[in-house]
Protein backbone atom coordinates (compact mmCIF):
# COMPACT_ATOMS: atom_id res chain seq x y z
CA UNK A 1 0.00 0.00 0.00
CA UNK A 2 1.42 3.35 -1.02
CA UNK A 3 1.79 6.47 1.18
CA UNK A 4 -1.25 8.40 -0.16
CA UNK A 5 -3.51 5.42 0.56
CA UNK A 6 -2.03 5.08 4.06
CA UNK A 7 -2.80 8.76 4.67
CA UNK A 8 -6.39 8.18 3.54
CA UNK A 9 -6.74 5.27 5.97
CA UNK A 10 -5.15 7.38 8.73
CA UNK A 11 -7.76 10.08 8.09
CA UNK A 12 -10.57 7.54 8.58
CA UNK A 13 -8.93 6.26 11.78
CA UNK A 14 -8.75 9.80 13.18
CA UNK A 15 -12.52 10.34 12.95
CA UNK A 16 -13.55 8.51 16.15
CA UNK A 17 -10.94 10.43 18.13
CA UNK A 18 -12.14 13.72 16.65
CA UNK A 19 -15.76 12.94 17.56
CA UNK A 20 -14.79 11.75 21.03
CA UNK A 21 -12.94 14.95 21.94
CA UNK A 22 -15.55 17.19 20.29
CA UNK A 23 -18.48 15.61 22.09
CA UNK A 24 -16.98 15.00 25.52
CA UNK A 25 -15.25 17.05 28.17
CA UNK A 26 -12.71 14.28 28.75
CA UNK A 27 -9.82 16.77 28.73
CA UNK A 28 -11.76 19.91 29.55
CA UNK A 29 -11.01 22.69 28.75
CA UNK A 30 -8.65 21.29 26.10
CA UNK A 31 -11.10 18.82 24.49
CA UNK A 32 -12.35 21.30 21.89
CA UNK A 33 -8.79 22.26 20.95
CA UNK A 34 -7.78 18.61 20.67
CA UNK A 35 -10.78 18.02 18.39
CA UNK A 36 -9.76 21.05 16.33
CA UNK A 37 -6.18 19.80 16.04
CA UNK A 38 -7.31 16.31 15.02
CA UNK A 39 -9.69 17.72 12.41
CA UNK A 40 -7.03 20.09 11.03
CA UNK A 41 -4.47 17.29 10.78
CA UNK A 42 -7.01 14.98 9.14
CA UNK A 43 -7.92 17.73 6.66
CA UNK A 44 -4.25 18.30 5.91
CA UNK A 45 -3.80 14.58 5.13
CA UNK A 46 -6.48 15.02 2.45
CA UNK A 47 -4.44 17.74 0.77
CA UNK A 48 -1.21 15.84 1.26
CA UNK A 49 -2.33 12.45 -0.05
CA UNK A 50 -3.61 13.98 -3.30
CA UNK A 51 -0.46 16.01 -3.90
CA UNK A 52 1.81 13.01 -3.23
CA UNK A 53 -0.30 10.70 -5.39
CA UNK A 54 -0.21 13.08 -8.37
CA UNK A 55 3.41 14.15 -7.99
CA UNK A 56 4.80 10.61 -7.76
CA UNK A 57 2.23 8.98 -10.03
CA UNK A 58 0.78 6.95 -7.16
CA UNK A 59 -2.85 7.43 -8.16
CA UNK A 60 -4.73 4.17 -7.61
CA UNK A 61 -8.32 3.04 -7.98
CA UNK A 62 -8.33 2.46 -4.20
CA UNK A 63 -7.32 6.09 -3.68
CA UNK A 64 -9.86 7.42 -6.19
CA UNK A 65 -12.54 5.45 -4.40
CA UNK A 66 -11.51 5.77 -0.73
CA UNK A 67 -10.25 9.37 -0.64
CA UNK A 68 -13.69 10.88 -1.27
CA UNK A 69 -15.26 8.43 1.19
CA UNK A 70 -12.74 9.41 3.88
CA UNK A 71 -13.53 13.08 3.24
CA UNK A 72 -17.26 12.47 3.47
CA UNK A 73 -16.91 10.49 6.70
CA UNK A 74 -14.81 13.23 8.27
CA UNK A 75 -17.05 16.10 7.17
CA UNK A 76 -20.35 14.33 7.89
CA UNK A 77 -19.15 13.28 11.34
CA UNK A 78 -18.36 16.89 12.19
CA UNK A 79 -21.65 18.18 10.79
CA UNK A 80 -23.71 15.63 12.71
CA UNK A 81 -21.89 16.61 15.90
CA UNK A 82 -22.58 20.28 15.13
CA UNK A 83 -26.33 19.58 15.03
CA UNK A 84 -26.09 18.20 18.57
CA UNK A 85 -23.99 21.20 19.60
CA UNK A 86 -26.46 23.67 18.05
CA UNK A 87 -23.95 25.09 15.57
CA UNK A 88 -25.72 24.20 12.32
CA UNK A 89 -29.22 23.46 11.10
CA UNK A 90 -30.19 19.83 10.63
CA UNK A 91 -31.77 20.74 7.27
CA UNK A 92 -28.43 21.96 5.91
CA UNK A 93 -26.73 18.81 7.17
CA UNK A 94 -29.46 16.65 5.59
CA UNK A 95 -28.91 18.33 2.20
CA UNK A 96 -25.16 17.80 2.47
CA UNK A 97 -25.51 14.15 3.48
CA UNK A 98 -28.15 13.53 0.79
CA UNK A 99 -25.70 14.82 -1.82
CA UNK A 100 -23.04 12.47 -0.53
CA UNK A 101 -25.42 9.49 -0.65
CA UNK A 102 -26.47 10.31 -4.21
CA UNK A 103 -22.84 10.60 -5.31
CA UNK A 104 -22.07 7.36 -3.46
CA UNK A 105 -24.87 5.60 -5.35
CA UNK A 106 -23.50 6.92 -8.63
CA UNK A 107 -20.01 5.70 -7.74
CA UNK A 108 -21.40 2.26 -6.92
CA UNK A 109 -23.21 2.03 -10.25
CA UNK A 110 -20.08 3.20 -12.04
CA UNK A 111 -17.95 0.65 -10.17
CA UNK A 112 -20.36 -2.11 -11.20
CA UNK A 113 -19.70 -1.04 -14.78
CA UNK A 114 -15.91 -1.07 -14.24
CA UNK A 115 -15.66 2.72 -14.09
CA UNK A 116 -13.99 4.64 -11.27
CA UNK A 117 -15.08 8.28 -11.14
CA UNK A 118 -12.58 10.66 -9.57
CA UNK A 119 -13.73 13.78 -7.74
CA UNK A 120 -14.32 16.82 -9.96
CA UNK A 121 -13.41 20.48 -9.47
CA UNK A 122 -16.69 21.53 -7.83
CA UNK A 123 -16.61 18.54 -5.49
CA UNK A 124 -13.06 19.34 -4.43
CA UNK A 125 -13.92 23.02 -3.88
CA UNK A 126 -16.99 21.99 -1.87
CA UNK A 127 -14.84 19.77 0.33
CA UNK A 128 -12.27 22.52 0.95
CA UNK A 129 -14.95 25.08 1.84
CA UNK A 130 -16.68 22.56 4.13
CA UNK A 131 -13.41 21.76 5.90
CA UNK A 132 -12.63 25.47 6.35
CA UNK A 133 -16.19 26.02 7.63
CA UNK A 134 -15.77 23.20 10.14
CA UNK A 135 -12.44 24.58 11.36
CA UNK A 136 -13.99 28.05 11.76
CA UNK A 137 -16.93 26.56 13.68
CA UNK A 138 -14.51 24.60 15.86
CA UNK A 139 -12.56 27.78 16.66
CA UNK A 140 -15.76 29.16 18.22
CA UNK A 141 -14.49 32.72 18.52
CA UNK A 142 -17.17 34.75 20.36
CA UNK A 143 -17.02 37.87 18.19
CA UNK A 144 -20.02 39.05 16.15
CA UNK A 145 -17.97 39.53 12.98
CA UNK A 146 -16.70 35.97 13.33
CA UNK A 147 -20.30 34.71 13.58
CA UNK A 148 -20.97 36.38 10.22
CA UNK A 149 -17.97 34.56 8.72
CA UNK A 150 -19.35 31.28 10.12
CA UNK A 151 -22.73 31.91 8.49
CA UNK A 152 -21.19 32.88 5.16
CA UNK A 153 -19.16 29.66 5.17
CA UNK A 154 -22.21 27.56 6.10
CA UNK A 155 -24.23 29.01 3.21
CA UNK A 156 -21.28 28.79 0.80
CA UNK A 157 -20.90 25.13 1.76
CA UNK A 158 -24.57 24.52 1.09
CA UNK A 159 -24.43 26.31 -2.27
CA UNK A 160 -21.32 24.40 -3.35
CA UNK A 161 -22.94 21.14 -2.23
CA UNK A 162 -25.85 21.77 -4.59
CA UNK A 163 -23.68 23.08 -7.45
CA UNK A 164 -21.28 20.14 -7.21
CA UNK A 165 -24.18 17.66 -7.18
CA UNK A 166 -25.70 19.16 -10.33
CA UNK A 167 -22.28 19.25 -12.03
CA UNK A 168 -21.60 15.63 -11.05
CA UNK A 169 -24.98 14.39 -12.27
CA UNK A 170 -24.65 16.19 -15.61
CA UNK A 171 -21.09 14.98 -16.22
CA UNK A 172 -21.86 11.39 -15.23
CA UNK A 173 -25.40 10.90 -16.54
CA UNK A 174 -24.12 8.21 -18.92
CA UNK A 175 -23.31 5.98 -15.93
CA UNK A 176 -27.03 5.36 -15.49
CA UNK A 177 -27.47 4.62 -19.17
CA UNK A 178 -24.64 2.08 -19.09
CA UNK A 179 -26.29 0.35 -16.13
CA UNK A 180 -29.48 -0.21 -18.16
CA UNK A 181 -27.81 -1.96 -21.10
C-alpha atoms as a PDB file:
ATOM      1  CA  UNK A   1       0.000   0.000   0.000  1.00  0.00           C
ATOM      2  CA  UNK A   2       1.416   3.353  -1.016  1.00  0.00           C
ATOM      3  CA  UNK A   3       1.786   6.468   1.175  1.00  0.00           C
ATOM      4  CA  UNK A   4      -1.250   8.399  -0.158  1.00  0.00           C
ATOM      5  CA  UNK A   5      -3.507   5.421   0.564  1.00  0.00           C
ATOM      6  CA  UNK A   6      -2.027   5.081   4.055  1.00  0.00           C
ATOM      7  CA  UNK A   7      -2.803   8.758   4.666  1.00  0.00           C
ATOM      8  CA  UNK A   8      -6.386   8.178   3.545  1.00  0.00           C
ATOM      9  CA  UNK A   9      -6.738   5.269   5.975  1.00  0.00           C
ATOM     10  CA  UNK A  10      -5.150   7.380   8.726  1.00  0.00           C
ATOM     11  CA  UNK A  11      -7.763  10.082   8.093  1.00  0.00           C
ATOM     12  CA  UNK A  12     -10.569   7.540   8.581  1.00  0.00           C
ATOM     13  CA  UNK A  13      -8.929   6.265  11.776  1.00  0.00           C
ATOM     14  CA  UNK A  14      -8.754   9.804  13.185  1.00  0.00           C
ATOM     15  CA  UNK A  15     -12.524  10.340  12.948  1.00  0.00           C
ATOM     16  CA  UNK A  16     -13.551   8.506  16.147  1.00  0.00           C
ATOM     17  CA  UNK A  17     -10.936  10.431  18.132  1.00  0.00           C
ATOM     18  CA  UNK A  18     -12.139  13.717  16.654  1.00  0.00           C
ATOM     19  CA  UNK A  19     -15.763  12.941  17.557  1.00  0.00           C
ATOM     20  CA  UNK A  20     -14.791  11.750  21.035  1.00  0.00           C
ATOM     21  CA  UNK A  21     -12.944  14.950  21.935  1.00  0.00           C
ATOM     22  CA  UNK A  22     -15.552  17.189  20.288  1.00  0.00           C
ATOM     23  CA  UNK A  23     -18.484  15.614  22.085  1.00  0.00           C
ATOM     24  CA  UNK A  24     -16.975  14.996  25.523  1.00  0.00           C
ATOM     25  CA  UNK A  25     -15.253  17.047  28.170  1.00  0.00           C
ATOM     26  CA  UNK A  26     -12.713  14.280  28.753  1.00  0.00           C
ATOM     27  CA  UNK A  27      -9.823  16.773  28.729  1.00  0.00           C
ATOM     28  CA  UNK A  28     -11.764  19.914  29.553  1.00  0.00           C
ATOM     29  CA  UNK A  29     -11.013  22.688  28.754  1.00  0.00           C
ATOM     30  CA  UNK A  30      -8.654  21.289  26.100  1.00  0.00           C
ATOM     31  CA  UNK A  31     -11.096  18.819  24.494  1.00  0.00           C
ATOM     32  CA  UNK A  32     -12.349  21.302  21.891  1.00  0.00           C
ATOM     33  CA  UNK A  33      -8.788  22.255  20.951  1.00  0.00           C
ATOM     34  CA  UNK A  34      -7.778  18.612  20.674  1.00  0.00           C
ATOM     35  CA  UNK A  35     -10.780  18.015  18.394  1.00  0.00           C
ATOM     36  CA  UNK A  36      -9.763  21.050  16.335  1.00  0.00           C
ATOM     37  CA  UNK A  37      -6.181  19.796  16.038  1.00  0.00           C
ATOM     38  CA  UNK A  38      -7.308  16.312  15.016  1.00  0.00           C
ATOM     39  CA  UNK A  39      -9.686  17.716  12.408  1.00  0.00           C
ATOM     40  CA  UNK A  40      -7.032  20.089  11.034  1.00  0.00           C
ATOM     41  CA  UNK A  41      -4.475  17.289  10.777  1.00  0.00           C
ATOM     42  CA  UNK A  42      -7.009  14.975   9.144  1.00  0.00           C
ATOM     43  CA  UNK A  43      -7.918  17.727   6.661  1.00  0.00           C
ATOM     44  CA  UNK A  44      -4.249  18.296   5.907  1.00  0.00           C
ATOM     45  CA  UNK A  45      -3.798  14.585   5.129  1.00  0.00           C
ATOM     46  CA  UNK A  46      -6.479  15.025   2.453  1.00  0.00           C
ATOM     47  CA  UNK A  47      -4.436  17.742   0.769  1.00  0.00           C
ATOM     48  CA  UNK A  48      -1.206  15.840   1.259  1.00  0.00           C
ATOM     49  CA  UNK A  49      -2.329  12.452  -0.055  1.00  0.00           C
ATOM     50  CA  UNK A  50      -3.609  13.980  -3.301  1.00  0.00           C
ATOM     51  CA  UNK A  51      -0.460  16.005  -3.898  1.00  0.00           C
ATOM     52  CA  UNK A  52       1.806  13.013  -3.234  1.00  0.00           C
ATOM     53  CA  UNK A  53      -0.298  10.699  -5.393  1.00  0.00           C
ATOM     54  CA  UNK A  54      -0.214  13.075  -8.373  1.00  0.00           C
ATOM     55  CA  UNK A  55       3.407  14.150  -7.988  1.00  0.00           C
ATOM     56  CA  UNK A  56       4.802  10.611  -7.756  1.00  0.00           C
ATOM     57  CA  UNK A  57       2.234   8.980 -10.028  1.00  0.00           C
ATOM     58  CA  UNK A  58       0.784   6.952  -7.155  1.00  0.00           C
ATOM     59  CA  UNK A  59      -2.850   7.428  -8.159  1.00  0.00           C
ATOM     60  CA  UNK A  60      -4.732   4.169  -7.610  1.00  0.00           C
ATOM     61  CA  UNK A  61      -8.323   3.036  -7.976  1.00  0.00           C
ATOM     62  CA  UNK A  62      -8.330   2.458  -4.202  1.00  0.00           C
ATOM     63  CA  UNK A  63      -7.315   6.092  -3.679  1.00  0.00           C
ATOM     64  CA  UNK A  64      -9.858   7.418  -6.192  1.00  0.00           C
ATOM     65  CA  UNK A  65     -12.543   5.446  -4.396  1.00  0.00           C
ATOM     66  CA  UNK A  66     -11.510   5.775  -0.728  1.00  0.00           C
ATOM     67  CA  UNK A  67     -10.249   9.368  -0.637  1.00  0.00           C
ATOM     68  CA  UNK A  68     -13.691  10.880  -1.271  1.00  0.00           C
ATOM     69  CA  UNK A  69     -15.261   8.428   1.186  1.00  0.00           C
ATOM     70  CA  UNK A  70     -12.744   9.410   3.875  1.00  0.00           C
ATOM     71  CA  UNK A  71     -13.527  13.082   3.236  1.00  0.00           C
ATOM     72  CA  UNK A  72     -17.261  12.466   3.470  1.00  0.00           C
ATOM     73  CA  UNK A  73     -16.912  10.488   6.700  1.00  0.00           C
ATOM     74  CA  UNK A  74     -14.807  13.229   8.267  1.00  0.00           C
ATOM     75  CA  UNK A  75     -17.049  16.101   7.174  1.00  0.00           C
ATOM     76  CA  UNK A  76     -20.350  14.332   7.895  1.00  0.00           C
ATOM     77  CA  UNK A  77     -19.146  13.281  11.344  1.00  0.00           C
ATOM     78  CA  UNK A  78     -18.359  16.894  12.193  1.00  0.00           C
ATOM     79  CA  UNK A  79     -21.646  18.176  10.790  1.00  0.00           C
ATOM     80  CA  UNK A  80     -23.708  15.629  12.713  1.00  0.00           C
ATOM     81  CA  UNK A  81     -21.890  16.609  15.904  1.00  0.00           C
ATOM     82  CA  UNK A  82     -22.581  20.280  15.125  1.00  0.00           C
ATOM     83  CA  UNK A  83     -26.327  19.578  15.032  1.00  0.00           C
ATOM     84  CA  UNK A  84     -26.088  18.203  18.574  1.00  0.00           C
ATOM     85  CA  UNK A  85     -23.987  21.204  19.603  1.00  0.00           C
ATOM     86  CA  UNK A  86     -26.460  23.667  18.048  1.00  0.00           C
ATOM     87  CA  UNK A  87     -23.945  25.093  15.571  1.00  0.00           C
ATOM     88  CA  UNK A  88     -25.715  24.198  12.316  1.00  0.00           C
ATOM     89  CA  UNK A  89     -29.224  23.459  11.097  1.00  0.00           C
ATOM     90  CA  UNK A  90     -30.189  19.829  10.626  1.00  0.00           C
ATOM     91  CA  UNK A  91     -31.768  20.742   7.271  1.00  0.00           C
ATOM     92  CA  UNK A  92     -28.430  21.958   5.912  1.00  0.00           C
ATOM     93  CA  UNK A  93     -26.733  18.807   7.168  1.00  0.00           C
ATOM     94  CA  UNK A  94     -29.455  16.655   5.589  1.00  0.00           C
ATOM     95  CA  UNK A  95     -28.912  18.329   2.200  1.00  0.00           C
ATOM     96  CA  UNK A  96     -25.161  17.801   2.467  1.00  0.00           C
ATOM     97  CA  UNK A  97     -25.515  14.146   3.484  1.00  0.00           C
ATOM     98  CA  UNK A  98     -28.154  13.528   0.792  1.00  0.00           C
ATOM     99  CA  UNK A  99     -25.702  14.818  -1.820  1.00  0.00           C
ATOM    100  CA  UNK A 100     -23.041  12.468  -0.527  1.00  0.00           C
ATOM    101  CA  UNK A 101     -25.422   9.489  -0.646  1.00  0.00           C
ATOM    102  CA  UNK A 102     -26.467  10.315  -4.209  1.00  0.00           C
ATOM    103  CA  UNK A 103     -22.840  10.596  -5.308  1.00  0.00           C
ATOM    104  CA  UNK A 104     -22.071   7.358  -3.461  1.00  0.00           C
ATOM    105  CA  UNK A 105     -24.866   5.598  -5.353  1.00  0.00           C
ATOM    106  CA  UNK A 106     -23.496   6.920  -8.634  1.00  0.00           C
ATOM    107  CA  UNK A 107     -20.012   5.701  -7.741  1.00  0.00           C
ATOM    108  CA  UNK A 108     -21.399   2.258  -6.923  1.00  0.00           C
ATOM    109  CA  UNK A 109     -23.213   2.026 -10.252  1.00  0.00           C
ATOM    110  CA  UNK A 110     -20.081   3.200 -12.042  1.00  0.00           C
ATOM    111  CA  UNK A 111     -17.947   0.649 -10.171  1.00  0.00           C
ATOM    112  CA  UNK A 112     -20.360  -2.105 -11.204  1.00  0.00           C
ATOM    113  CA  UNK A 113     -19.697  -1.036 -14.783  1.00  0.00           C
ATOM    114  CA  UNK A 114     -15.910  -1.071 -14.240  1.00  0.00           C
ATOM    115  CA  UNK A 115     -15.661   2.719 -14.094  1.00  0.00           C
ATOM    116  CA  UNK A 116     -13.988   4.643 -11.269  1.00  0.00           C
ATOM    117  CA  UNK A 117     -15.075   8.279 -11.136  1.00  0.00           C
ATOM    118  CA  UNK A 118     -12.581  10.660  -9.571  1.00  0.00           C
ATOM    119  CA  UNK A 119     -13.730  13.783  -7.739  1.00  0.00           C
ATOM    120  CA  UNK A 120     -14.317  16.815  -9.956  1.00  0.00           C
ATOM    121  CA  UNK A 121     -13.409  20.476  -9.473  1.00  0.00           C
ATOM    122  CA  UNK A 122     -16.691  21.527  -7.832  1.00  0.00           C
ATOM    123  CA  UNK A 123     -16.608  18.543  -5.485  1.00  0.00           C
ATOM    124  CA  UNK A 124     -13.058  19.343  -4.426  1.00  0.00           C
ATOM    125  CA  UNK A 125     -13.921  23.016  -3.881  1.00  0.00           C
ATOM    126  CA  UNK A 126     -16.994  21.991  -1.870  1.00  0.00           C
ATOM    127  CA  UNK A 127     -14.836  19.768   0.329  1.00  0.00           C
ATOM    128  CA  UNK A 128     -12.268  22.521   0.947  1.00  0.00           C
ATOM    129  CA  UNK A 129     -14.954  25.077   1.844  1.00  0.00           C
ATOM    130  CA  UNK A 130     -16.679  22.559   4.125  1.00  0.00           C
ATOM    131  CA  UNK A 131     -13.410  21.761   5.898  1.00  0.00           C
ATOM    132  CA  UNK A 132     -12.633  25.470   6.353  1.00  0.00           C
ATOM    133  CA  UNK A 133     -16.192  26.017   7.631  1.00  0.00           C
ATOM    134  CA  UNK A 134     -15.772  23.198  10.139  1.00  0.00           C
ATOM    135  CA  UNK A 135     -12.444  24.579  11.356  1.00  0.00           C
ATOM    136  CA  UNK A 136     -13.986  28.046  11.763  1.00  0.00           C
ATOM    137  CA  UNK A 137     -16.934  26.562  13.683  1.00  0.00           C
ATOM    138  CA  UNK A 138     -14.509  24.600  15.864  1.00  0.00           C
ATOM    139  CA  UNK A 139     -12.556  27.779  16.657  1.00  0.00           C
ATOM    140  CA  UNK A 140     -15.755  29.157  18.221  1.00  0.00           C
ATOM    141  CA  UNK A 141     -14.488  32.723  18.520  1.00  0.00           C
ATOM    142  CA  UNK A 142     -17.168  34.755  20.364  1.00  0.00           C
ATOM    143  CA  UNK A 143     -17.024  37.875  18.187  1.00  0.00           C
ATOM    144  CA  UNK A 144     -20.025  39.055  16.154  1.00  0.00           C
ATOM    145  CA  UNK A 145     -17.968  39.527  12.980  1.00  0.00           C
ATOM    146  CA  UNK A 146     -16.705  35.973  13.326  1.00  0.00           C
ATOM    147  CA  UNK A 147     -20.301  34.707  13.583  1.00  0.00           C
ATOM    148  CA  UNK A 148     -20.971  36.383  10.225  1.00  0.00           C
ATOM    149  CA  UNK A 149     -17.974  34.558   8.724  1.00  0.00           C
ATOM    150  CA  UNK A 150     -19.351  31.285  10.122  1.00  0.00           C
ATOM    151  CA  UNK A 151     -22.734  31.912   8.492  1.00  0.00           C
ATOM    152  CA  UNK A 152     -21.185  32.876   5.160  1.00  0.00           C
ATOM    153  CA  UNK A 153     -19.160  29.658   5.173  1.00  0.00           C
ATOM    154  CA  UNK A 154     -22.208  27.565   6.095  1.00  0.00           C
ATOM    155  CA  UNK A 155     -24.231  29.014   3.214  1.00  0.00           C
ATOM    156  CA  UNK A 156     -21.283  28.789   0.802  1.00  0.00           C
ATOM    157  CA  UNK A 157     -20.901  25.128   1.760  1.00  0.00           C
ATOM    158  CA  UNK A 158     -24.574  24.515   1.090  1.00  0.00           C
ATOM    159  CA  UNK A 159     -24.428  26.305  -2.273  1.00  0.00           C
ATOM    160  CA  UNK A 160     -21.324  24.396  -3.353  1.00  0.00           C
ATOM    161  CA  UNK A 161     -22.940  21.142  -2.231  1.00  0.00           C
ATOM    162  CA  UNK A 162     -25.852  21.766  -4.592  1.00  0.00           C
ATOM    163  CA  UNK A 163     -23.680  23.081  -7.451  1.00  0.00           C
ATOM    164  CA  UNK A 164     -21.280  20.141  -7.210  1.00  0.00           C
ATOM    165  CA  UNK A 165     -24.180  17.662  -7.179  1.00  0.00           C
ATOM    166  CA  UNK A 166     -25.697  19.160 -10.332  1.00  0.00           C
ATOM    167  CA  UNK A 167     -22.281  19.246 -12.027  1.00  0.00           C
ATOM    168  CA  UNK A 168     -21.595  15.634 -11.050  1.00  0.00           C
ATOM    169  CA  UNK A 169     -24.980  14.392 -12.271  1.00  0.00           C
ATOM    170  CA  UNK A 170     -24.646  16.186 -15.609  1.00  0.00           C
ATOM    171  CA  UNK A 171     -21.091  14.983 -16.222  1.00  0.00           C
ATOM    172  CA  UNK A 172     -21.859  11.393 -15.232  1.00  0.00           C
ATOM    173  CA  UNK A 173     -25.404  10.899 -16.539  1.00  0.00           C
ATOM    174  CA  UNK A 174     -24.125   8.205 -18.920  1.00  0.00           C
ATOM    175  CA  UNK A 175     -23.310   5.984 -15.929  1.00  0.00           C
ATOM    176  CA  UNK A 176     -27.026   5.356 -15.485  1.00  0.00           C
ATOM    177  CA  UNK A 177     -27.467   4.618 -19.173  1.00  0.00           C
ATOM    178  CA  UNK A 178     -24.636   2.078 -19.087  1.00  0.00           C
ATOM    179  CA  UNK A 179     -26.292   0.352 -16.135  1.00  0.00           C
ATOM    180  CA  UNK A 180     -29.481  -0.213 -18.162  1.00  0.00           C
ATOM    181  CA  UNK A 181     -27.811  -1.965 -21.103  1.00  0.00           C
END
